[in-house]
Amino acid sequence: MTDVRTAPADLSEVLDARLAAAKEASRRLARATTAEKDAALAAIARLLRARTGEIVAANALDLEAGRVSGLGTGLLDRLKLDAARIDAIADAVLDVVQLDDPVGGTVSGRTLPNGVRIEQVRVPSAWSAPSTRRVRT
């Protein structure tokens, strides 16, 4: 991954590439099964723990840049990552795995007099529809 701190002249290109990658990832995630999403979250938690040293080191650079630019001590404290905070983040990610996957769940529904069932169903946000309805006959 390109470090934006070392490539200011190419920042626009770096950001464009990252945004394009994020857009593609959101499309893949929208099609992922619950098992695939749970496995990805478990991998995130595992990597957070495995790479704690790297994360803390990068965070130290960010905190120093924040000090230099005049960020307040309270904000810097909230932004500071240490092993305990990263472990807590990993635990929180694993807590999400334990939740039911809301995608595909029925929010509400009704049956019309002619027997047609209309349901409002949760969909991935990448599909962005304020209200997605499924009709069953």
Protein backbone atom coordinates (compact mmCIF):
# COMPACT_ATOMS: atom_id res chain seq x y z
CA MET A 1 0.00 0.00 0.00
CA THR A 2 1.31 3.45 -0.86
CA ASP A 3 1.96 5.72 2.10
CA VAL A 4 0.35 9.07 1.29
CA ARG A 5 2.86 10.81 3.59
CA THR A 6 5.74 9.87 1.27
CA ALA A 7 4.07 10.64 -2.06
CA PRO A 8 2.44 14.10 -1.83
CA ALA A 9 2.95 14.84 -5.54
CA ASP A 10 0.97 11.73 -6.46
CA LEU A 11 -1.68 12.12 -3.76
CA SER A 12 -4.52 12.50 -6.25
CA GLU A 13 -3.51 9.33 -8.09
CA VAL A 14 -3.11 7.41 -4.84
CA LEU A 15 -6.53 8.52 -3.61
CA ASP A 16 -8.18 7.75 -6.97
CA ALA A 17 -6.72 4.23 -6.90
CA ARG A 18 -7.84 3.65 -3.30
CA LEU A 19 -11.33 4.96 -4.03
CA ALA A 20 -11.65 2.71 -7.08
CA ALA A 21 -10.50 -0.28 -5.03
CA ALA A 22 -12.99 0.58 -2.27
CA LYS A 23 -15.82 0.82 -4.81
CA GLU A 24 -14.99 -2.60 -6.23
CA ALA A 25 -14.68 -4.07 -2.74
CA SER A 26 -18.13 -2.71 -1.84
CA ARG A 27 -19.60 -4.45 -4.88
CA ARG A 28 -18.01 -7.76 -3.88
CA LEU A 29 -19.12 -7.32 -0.28
CA ALA A 30 -22.70 -6.68 -1.38
CA ARG A 31 -22.74 -10.15 -2.97
CA ALA A 32 -20.96 -11.93 -0.10
CA THR A 33 -22.69 -14.61 1.92
CA THR A 34 -22.99 -14.36 5.69
CA ALA A 35 -20.27 -17.01 6.05
CA GLU A 36 -17.94 -15.02 3.78
CA LYS A 37 -18.58 -11.80 5.71
CA ASP A 38 -18.01 -13.57 9.03
CA ALA A 39 -14.76 -15.08 7.75
CA ALA A 40 -13.60 -11.65 6.56
CA LEU A 41 -14.37 -10.10 9.94
CA ALA A 42 -12.51 -12.90 11.74
CA ALA A 43 -9.53 -12.32 9.43
CA ILE A 44 -9.64 -8.59 10.21
CA ALA A 45 -9.55 -9.32 13.95
CA ARG A 46 -6.70 -11.81 13.49
CA LEU A 47 -4.67 -9.34 11.40
CA LEU A 48 -5.26 -6.50 13.84
CA ARG A 49 -3.70 -8.63 16.54
CA ALA A 50 -0.92 -9.97 14.33
CA ARG A 51 0.07 -6.52 13.09
CA THR A 52 -0.36 -4.59 16.33
CA GLY A 53 3.29 -3.49 16.31
CA GLU A 54 3.03 -2.04 12.81
CA ILE A 55 -0.25 -0.30 13.62
CA VAL A 56 1.16 1.25 16.81
CA ALA A 57 4.27 2.44 14.94
CA ALA A 58 2.23 4.03 12.13
CA ASN A 59 -0.10 5.59 14.69
CA ALA A 60 2.90 7.12 16.47
CA LEU A 61 3.88 8.86 13.22
CA ASP A 62 0.32 10.14 12.79
CA LEU A 63 0.21 11.38 16.38
CA GLU A 64 3.50 13.24 15.94
CA ALA A 65 2.17 14.87 12.76
CA GLY A 66 -0.94 15.83 14.73
CA ARG A 67 1.16 17.38 17.51
CA VAL A 68 3.15 19.36 14.96
CA SER A 69 -0.03 20.60 13.29
CA GLY A 70 -1.47 21.70 16.64
CA LEU A 71 -4.06 19.05 17.49
CA GLY A 72 -5.19 19.27 21.11
CA THR A 73 -4.02 16.76 23.69
CA GLY A 74 -7.56 15.43 24.20
CA LEU A 75 -7.97 14.62 20.52
CA LEU A 76 -4.50 13.13 20.33
CA ASP A 77 -5.34 10.88 23.29
CA ARG A 78 -8.53 9.68 21.58
CA LEU A 79 -6.55 8.94 18.41
CA LYS A 80 -3.74 7.09 20.20
CA LEU A 81 -3.61 3.36 19.60
CA ASP A 82 -1.77 0.96 21.87
CA ALA A 83 -1.86 -2.83 22.16
CA ALA A 84 -4.79 -2.77 24.59
CA ARG A 85 -6.90 -0.53 22.35
CA ILE A 86 -6.14 -2.60 19.26
CA ASP A 87 -7.04 -5.77 21.15
CA ALA A 88 -10.34 -4.15 22.17
CA ILE A 89 -11.01 -3.22 18.54
CA ALA A 90 -10.33 -6.82 17.48
CA ASP A 91 -12.72 -8.05 20.18
CA ALA A 92 -15.39 -5.62 18.93
CA VAL A 93 -14.94 -6.91 15.37
CA LEU A 94 -15.48 -10.46 16.64
CA ASP A 95 -18.60 -9.26 18.49
CA VAL A 96 -20.02 -8.21 15.12
CA VAL A 97 -19.53 -11.78 13.85
CA GLN A 98 -21.89 -12.95 16.61
CA LEU A 99 -24.69 -10.66 15.38
CA ASP A 100 -27.34 -11.84 12.95
CA ASP A 101 -26.72 -10.69 9.37
CA PRO A 102 -29.46 -8.14 8.68
CA VAL A 103 -29.17 -8.44 4.89
CA GLY A 104 -32.15 -10.28 3.47
CA GLY A 105 -34.22 -9.82 6.61
CA THR A 106 -37.80 -8.68 6.22
CA VAL A 107 -38.45 -5.25 7.71
CA SER A 108 -42.20 -5.26 7.12
CA GLY A 109 -44.74 -6.85 4.87
CA ARG A 110 -48.38 -7.22 4.04
CA THR A 111 -50.64 -9.35 1.93
CA LEU A 112 -52.92 -7.62 -0.54
CA PRO A 113 -56.55 -8.68 -0.90
CA ASN A 114 -55.63 -10.56 -4.10
CA GLY A 115 -53.13 -12.71 -2.17
CA VAL A 116 -49.95 -10.98 -3.35
CA ARG A 117 -47.44 -10.59 -0.52
CA ILE A 118 -45.32 -7.40 -0.49
CA GLU A 119 -42.27 -7.26 1.78
CA GLN A 120 -39.73 -4.58 2.56
CA VAL A 121 -36.38 -6.38 2.72
CA ARG A 122 -32.97 -5.21 3.97
CA VAL A 123 -30.34 -5.05 1.24
CA PRO A 124 -26.63 -4.15 1.25
CA SER A 125 -26.08 -0.39 1.27
CA ALA A 126 -24.11 -0.71 -1.97
CA TRP A 127 -27.47 -1.39 -3.60
CA SER A 128 -28.71 1.90 -2.14
CA ALA A 129 -32.42 1.97 -2.40
CA PRO A 130 -34.23 3.75 0.40
CA SER A 131 -36.86 1.05 0.39
CA THR A 132 -36.46 -2.24 -1.42
CA ARG A 133 -39.59 -4.29 -1.79
CA ARG A 134 -40.00 -7.92 -2.72
CA VAL A 135 -43.28 -9.17 -4.16
CA ARG A 136 -44.32 -12.79 -3.71
CA THR A 137 -47.35 -14.35 -5.31
